[in-house]
Structures are given as C-alpha cells and as structure tokens.
N, C-alpha and C. Protein backbone atom coordinates (compact mmCIF):
# COMPACT_ATOMS: atom_id res chain seq x y z
N ALA A 1 -17.88 -9.41 30.13
CA ALA A 1 -17.96 -8.14 30.81
C ALA A 1 -18.74 -7.16 29.94
N GLN A 2 -19.70 -6.55 30.54
CA GLN A 2 -20.55 -5.62 29.81
C GLN A 2 -20.15 -4.18 30.16
N CYS A 3 -19.99 -3.37 29.13
CA CYS A 3 -19.61 -1.97 29.34
C CYS A 3 -20.87 -1.15 29.60
N ARG A 4 -20.86 -0.44 30.69
CA ARG A 4 -22.01 0.40 31.02
C ARG A 4 -21.57 1.85 31.05
N MET A 5 -22.33 2.69 30.36
CA MET A 5 -22.05 4.12 30.35
C MET A 5 -23.00 4.82 31.31
N SER A 6 -22.52 5.85 31.93
CA SER A 6 -23.40 6.62 32.79
C SER A 6 -24.38 7.39 31.91
N GLY A 7 -25.45 7.87 32.49
CA GLY A 7 -26.46 8.60 31.74
C GLY A 7 -25.93 9.85 31.08
N ASP A 8 -25.03 10.55 31.76
CA ASP A 8 -24.45 11.77 31.20
C ASP A 8 -23.60 11.48 29.98
N ASN A 9 -22.79 10.43 30.06
CA ASN A 9 -21.94 10.07 28.93
C ASN A 9 -22.78 9.60 27.73
N ARG A 10 -23.84 8.88 28.00
CA ARG A 10 -24.68 8.39 26.92
C ARG A 10 -25.38 9.55 26.22
N SER A 11 -25.90 10.50 26.96
CA SER A 11 -26.57 11.64 26.33
C SER A 11 -25.57 12.53 25.60
N LEU A 12 -24.38 12.68 26.14
CA LEU A 12 -23.33 13.43 25.45
C LEU A 12 -22.95 12.74 24.15
N GLY A 13 -22.82 11.42 24.19
CA GLY A 13 -22.51 10.66 22.99
C GLY A 13 -23.58 10.81 21.92
N TRP A 14 -24.83 10.73 22.31
CA TRP A 14 -25.93 10.90 21.35
C TRP A 14 -25.94 12.31 20.78
N THR A 15 -25.67 13.30 21.63
CA THR A 15 -25.64 14.68 21.15
C THR A 15 -24.54 14.87 20.12
N ILE A 16 -23.36 14.36 20.41
CA ILE A 16 -22.25 14.47 19.47
C ILE A 16 -22.58 13.75 18.17
N LEU A 17 -23.18 12.57 18.26
CA LEU A 17 -23.55 11.80 17.06
C LEU A 17 -24.57 12.55 16.21
N VAL A 18 -25.58 13.13 16.84
CA VAL A 18 -26.62 13.86 16.10
C VAL A 18 -26.05 15.11 15.44
N VAL A 19 -25.23 15.86 16.16
CA VAL A 19 -24.63 17.08 15.60
C VAL A 19 -23.70 16.74 14.45
N ALA A 20 -22.85 15.73 14.64
CA ALA A 20 -21.92 15.33 13.58
C ALA A 20 -22.67 14.83 12.35
N SER A 21 -23.74 14.06 12.55
CA SER A 21 -24.53 13.57 11.42
C SER A 21 -25.22 14.71 10.68
N ALA A 22 -25.77 15.66 11.43
CA ALA A 22 -26.43 16.80 10.80
C ALA A 22 -25.44 17.62 9.98
N LEU A 23 -24.25 17.87 10.54
CA LEU A 23 -23.23 18.61 9.79
C LEU A 23 -22.78 17.85 8.55
N PHE A 24 -22.64 16.53 8.66
CA PHE A 24 -22.22 15.73 7.52
C PHE A 24 -23.27 15.80 6.40
N PHE A 25 -24.54 15.64 6.73
CA PHE A 25 -25.58 15.67 5.70
C PHE A 25 -25.74 17.06 5.12
N TYR A 26 -25.62 18.10 5.94
CA TYR A 26 -25.67 19.47 5.44
C TYR A 26 -24.55 19.72 4.44
N TRP A 27 -23.32 19.34 4.81
CA TRP A 27 -22.16 19.55 3.94
C TRP A 27 -22.28 18.71 2.66
N THR A 28 -22.74 17.47 2.79
CA THR A 28 -22.90 16.61 1.62
C THR A 28 -23.92 17.19 0.65
N PHE A 29 -25.05 17.67 1.16
CA PHE A 29 -26.05 18.29 0.30
C PHE A 29 -25.49 19.54 -0.35
N TRP A 30 -24.75 20.32 0.43
CA TRP A 30 -24.14 21.56 -0.05
C TRP A 30 -23.20 21.30 -1.20
N VAL A 31 -22.38 20.25 -1.09
CA VAL A 31 -21.35 19.97 -2.08
C VAL A 31 -21.87 19.16 -3.27
N LEU A 32 -22.73 18.18 -3.03
CA LEU A 32 -23.12 17.26 -4.09
C LEU A 32 -24.43 17.61 -4.79
N VAL A 33 -25.35 18.27 -4.11
CA VAL A 33 -26.67 18.54 -4.69
C VAL A 33 -26.81 20.00 -5.13
N LEU A 34 -26.36 20.90 -4.29
CA LEU A 34 -26.59 22.33 -4.54
C LEU A 34 -26.02 22.85 -5.86
N PRO A 35 -24.90 22.32 -6.36
CA PRO A 35 -24.42 22.82 -7.65
C PRO A 35 -25.40 22.59 -8.81
N PHE A 36 -26.32 21.65 -8.65
CA PHE A 36 -27.29 21.34 -9.70
C PHE A 36 -28.61 22.07 -9.53
N VAL A 37 -28.72 22.90 -8.48
CA VAL A 37 -29.94 23.66 -8.21
C VAL A 37 -29.76 25.05 -8.81
N ASP A 38 -30.82 25.59 -9.41
CA ASP A 38 -30.76 26.93 -10.01
C ASP A 38 -30.34 27.97 -8.97
N HIS A 39 -29.61 28.98 -9.44
CA HIS A 39 -29.11 30.01 -8.52
C HIS A 39 -30.22 30.89 -7.94
N ASP A 40 -31.37 30.96 -8.59
CA ASP A 40 -32.46 31.78 -8.06
C ASP A 40 -33.39 30.98 -7.15
N ASN A 41 -33.08 29.71 -6.89
CA ASN A 41 -33.89 28.88 -6.00
C ASN A 41 -33.68 29.33 -4.56
N MET A 42 -34.74 29.21 -3.73
CA MET A 42 -34.64 29.65 -2.34
C MET A 42 -33.71 28.79 -1.51
N LEU A 43 -33.40 27.57 -1.94
CA LEU A 43 -32.44 26.73 -1.23
C LEU A 43 -31.05 27.35 -1.20
N GLN A 44 -30.72 28.09 -2.23
CA GLN A 44 -29.40 28.71 -2.31
C GLN A 44 -29.16 29.69 -1.16
N ALA A 45 -30.22 30.25 -0.62
CA ALA A 45 -30.09 31.22 0.48
C ALA A 45 -29.67 30.55 1.79
N ALA A 46 -29.90 29.24 1.91
CA ALA A 46 -29.57 28.53 3.15
C ALA A 46 -28.12 28.09 3.21
N PHE A 47 -27.36 28.32 2.14
CA PHE A 47 -25.98 27.84 2.08
C PHE A 47 -25.05 28.98 1.66
N PRO A 48 -23.87 29.04 2.27
CA PRO A 48 -22.88 30.02 1.83
C PRO A 48 -22.30 29.65 0.47
N SER A 49 -21.37 30.43 0.00
CA SER A 49 -20.71 30.18 -1.28
C SER A 49 -20.03 28.81 -1.27
N ALA A 50 -19.93 28.20 -2.45
CA ALA A 50 -19.28 26.89 -2.57
C ALA A 50 -17.80 26.96 -2.19
N TYR A 51 -17.23 28.13 -2.26
CA TYR A 51 -15.84 28.33 -1.85
C TYR A 51 -15.64 27.86 -0.40
N PHE A 52 -16.59 28.16 0.45
CA PHE A 52 -16.49 27.80 1.86
C PHE A 52 -16.71 26.31 2.09
N ALA A 53 -17.36 25.62 1.16
CA ALA A 53 -17.57 24.18 1.29
C ALA A 53 -16.24 23.44 1.23
N ILE A 54 -15.27 24.01 0.58
CA ILE A 54 -13.94 23.42 0.52
C ILE A 54 -13.04 24.03 1.60
N LEU A 55 -13.18 25.33 1.85
CA LEU A 55 -12.32 26.02 2.81
C LEU A 55 -12.48 25.46 4.22
N PHE A 56 -13.72 25.24 4.69
CA PHE A 56 -13.94 24.78 6.06
C PHE A 56 -13.29 23.42 6.34
N PRO A 57 -13.50 22.40 5.51
CA PRO A 57 -12.83 21.12 5.79
C PRO A 57 -11.31 21.21 5.71
N VAL A 58 -10.78 22.00 4.77
CA VAL A 58 -9.33 22.14 4.66
C VAL A 58 -8.77 22.80 5.92
N LEU A 59 -9.41 23.87 6.38
CA LEU A 59 -8.96 24.52 7.62
C LEU A 59 -9.05 23.57 8.82
N PHE A 60 -10.12 22.80 8.87
CA PHE A 60 -10.30 21.84 9.96
C PHE A 60 -9.17 20.81 9.94
N MET A 61 -8.82 20.31 8.75
CA MET A 61 -7.75 19.32 8.65
C MET A 61 -6.39 19.92 9.02
N VAL A 62 -6.13 21.16 8.60
CA VAL A 62 -4.86 21.80 8.92
C VAL A 62 -4.76 22.02 10.43
N VAL A 63 -5.81 22.53 11.05
CA VAL A 63 -5.79 22.77 12.49
C VAL A 63 -5.67 21.44 13.25
N SER A 64 -6.42 20.42 12.83
CA SER A 64 -6.34 19.11 13.49
C SER A 64 -4.95 18.51 13.35
N GLY A 65 -4.37 18.58 12.16
CA GLY A 65 -3.03 18.06 11.96
C GLY A 65 -1.99 18.80 12.77
N THR A 66 -2.14 20.11 12.87
CA THR A 66 -1.21 20.92 13.66
C THR A 66 -1.31 20.56 15.14
N LEU A 67 -2.53 20.45 15.66
CA LEU A 67 -2.70 20.11 17.07
C LEU A 67 -2.20 18.70 17.37
N THR A 68 -2.46 17.76 16.46
CA THR A 68 -1.99 16.39 16.66
C THR A 68 -0.47 16.34 16.66
N THR A 69 0.14 17.04 15.71
CA THR A 69 1.60 17.08 15.64
C THR A 69 2.18 17.73 16.88
N ALA A 70 1.59 18.81 17.34
CA ALA A 70 2.07 19.48 18.55
C ALA A 70 1.94 18.57 19.77
N PHE A 71 0.84 17.85 19.86
CA PHE A 71 0.65 16.93 20.99
C PHE A 71 1.70 15.83 20.97
N ILE A 72 1.94 15.25 19.80
CA ILE A 72 2.95 14.18 19.69
C ILE A 72 4.33 14.74 20.03
N ALA A 73 4.63 15.95 19.57
CA ALA A 73 5.93 16.57 19.89
C ALA A 73 6.10 16.78 21.38
N VAL A 74 5.06 17.27 22.03
CA VAL A 74 5.14 17.50 23.48
C VAL A 74 5.35 16.18 24.22
N VAL A 75 4.64 15.14 23.83
CA VAL A 75 4.79 13.84 24.48
C VAL A 75 6.20 13.29 24.25
N MET A 76 6.71 13.43 23.03
CA MET A 76 8.06 12.93 22.74
C MET A 76 9.12 13.71 23.52
N ILE A 77 8.94 15.01 23.66
CA ILE A 77 9.90 15.82 24.42
C ILE A 77 9.87 15.42 25.90
N LYS A 78 8.68 15.20 26.46
CA LYS A 78 8.57 14.83 27.87
C LYS A 78 9.13 13.43 28.12
N GLU A 79 8.97 12.54 27.14
CA GLU A 79 9.42 11.16 27.32
C GLU A 79 10.94 11.05 27.25
N GLY A 80 11.56 11.97 26.52
CA GLY A 80 12.95 11.75 26.56
C GLY A 80 13.88 12.46 25.74
C-alpha cells in the first residue's frame, strides 16, 4: 500500500520542513559560531543577545511541556 498525500498537505509539509530547518541553522550558528566572531563585526547585528539564544528554547520547552501535560490531564479526566 502506497501512501499518497494531497498537494496541499505536501506543500504544507515542505513549508514546515524549510522553516524548521532555517530556524535550526540560524540558532545553531547563533550559539556555536557567533561567540567566536568579533563584537564589532556586522554579523553581530543580525542576532540578538546570546541571553535569548538560551531563553527562547527554554521557554518553548516549558510551554510545550505545560500544554502536553494539560492535554494528558484533560484526556485522563474525560476517560475516567
């Protein structure tokens, strides 16, 4: 059996993949390369403070964990 995706789902999937990949490479460059670049370099202007490089993923994990826990709690309450 071959799985076929509709055109809309395929383009949505590619869009999500491209955006996620771009964000991953941006963040990786920000965290791993930028600390070794001089502070007066023009690349520094394209990135916020390194403080936010840690803050954004931590906030994302906290919000994701909270939503996942809330979803599981709601399902468990409805089930019984």
